[in-house]
Protein backbone atom coordinates (compact mmCIF):
# COMPACT_ATOMS: atom_id res chain seq x y z
CA MET A 1 -141.40 -15.65 21.56
CA SER A 2 -144.31 -13.50 22.71
CA ARG A 3 -146.73 -12.01 20.24
CA GLN A 4 -147.04 -8.27 20.37
CA ARG A 5 -150.39 -6.84 21.32
CA SER A 6 -151.97 -4.42 18.88
CA MET A 7 -151.67 -0.69 19.56
CA GLU A 8 -155.44 -0.66 19.97
CA LYS A 9 -155.21 -3.19 22.81
CA ILE A 10 -152.22 -1.43 24.37
CA SER A 11 -153.96 1.95 24.21
CA SER A 12 -156.95 0.64 26.12
CA SER A 13 -155.06 -1.46 28.70
CA GLU A 14 -154.81 -0.44 32.31
CA TYR A 15 -151.33 -1.97 32.50
CA VAL A 16 -148.56 -2.12 29.90
CA SER A 17 -145.11 -3.70 29.66
CA ILE A 18 -141.92 -1.67 29.23
CA GLY A 19 -141.80 -2.64 25.54
CA GLU A 20 -145.36 -1.40 25.08
CA LEU A 21 -144.50 1.82 26.90
CA SER A 22 -141.66 2.28 24.46
CA ARG A 23 -144.08 1.91 21.54
CA LEU A 24 -146.60 4.29 23.13
CA THR A 25 -144.13 7.07 23.93
CA GLY A 26 -141.43 6.66 21.29
CA CYS A 27 -138.94 6.51 24.16
CA ARG A 28 -136.10 4.00 23.81
CA TYR A 29 -136.44 0.75 25.77
CA SER A 30 -133.03 1.32 27.37
CA THR A 31 -134.08 4.81 28.50
CA LEU A 32 -137.26 3.48 30.11
CA LYS A 33 -135.29 0.70 31.79
CA TYR A 34 -132.89 3.32 33.19
CA TYR A 35 -135.77 5.49 34.45
CA THR A 36 -137.28 2.41 36.11
CA GLU A 37 -133.99 1.43 37.75
CA GLU A 38 -133.55 5.00 39.00
CA GLY A 39 -136.99 4.81 40.65
CA MET A 40 -138.55 7.37 38.31
CA LEU A 41 -141.18 5.02 36.87
CA PRO A 42 -143.18 3.02 39.42
CA PHE A 43 -144.26 -0.48 38.43
CA GLU A 44 -145.94 -3.56 39.82
CA GLN A 45 -144.47 -7.02 39.70
CA GLU A 46 -146.46 -10.09 40.75
CA GLU A 47 -143.43 -12.22 41.57
CA GLU A 48 -139.67 -11.91 41.29
CA ASN A 49 -139.33 -13.11 37.68
CA LEU A 50 -142.54 -11.82 36.16
CA THR A 51 -142.80 -8.89 33.82
CA ARG A 52 -142.96 -5.45 35.34
CA ARG A 53 -146.34 -3.86 34.70
CA TYR A 54 -146.80 -0.12 34.48
CA LEU A 55 -150.05 1.80 34.89
CA ARG A 56 -150.44 3.08 31.33
CA VAL A 57 -152.02 6.52 31.81
CA GLU A 58 -149.96 7.62 34.83
CA THR A 59 -146.69 6.30 33.42
CA VAL A 60 -147.13 7.88 29.97
CA GLU A 61 -147.87 11.21 31.71
CA ARG A 62 -144.78 10.80 33.89
CA ILE A 63 -142.57 10.05 30.86
CA GLU A 64 -143.88 13.22 29.18
CA ARG A 65 -143.09 15.18 32.35
CA ILE A 66 -139.55 13.75 32.47
CA ARG A 67 -139.08 14.71 28.79
CA LYS A 68 -140.19 18.29 29.43
CA LEU A 69 -137.92 18.62 32.46
CA LYS A 70 -134.96 17.32 30.41
CA GLU A 71 -135.77 19.80 27.63
CA ASN A 72 -135.73 22.55 30.27
CA GLY A 73 -132.17 21.57 31.21
CA LYS A 74 -132.87 19.66 34.41
CA THR A 75 -130.39 16.94 35.42
CA ILE A 76 -131.43 13.35 36.17
CA PRO A 77 -130.97 13.84 39.96
CA GLU A 78 -133.14 16.99 39.80
CA ILE A 79 -135.78 15.20 37.74
CA LYS A 80 -135.75 12.24 40.15
CA ASN A 81 -136.51 14.60 43.03
CA LEU A 82 -139.28 16.35 41.13
CA VAL A 83 -141.08 13.23 39.89
CA LYS A 84 -140.71 11.22 43.10
CA ASN A 85 -142.48 13.94 45.06
CA THR A 86 -145.60 13.93 42.89
């Protein structure tokens, strides 16, 4: 079992895991996994089985943008188009 990093460490990391993103944004893990699978959250992966790593600052900003678009009544396909083109 992996030990969780402190919020202080997470908040100063260049890269974060999906679980850490969930803690940073308050977004459910399953929601972030869905956004990732839909291509809305870019990530890096060293090899096939290694953890996906997300750029913390850019990804948190993107999640906030997705949230705002959802609040404004945009559908997932509309949001995908909007966030992929930025």
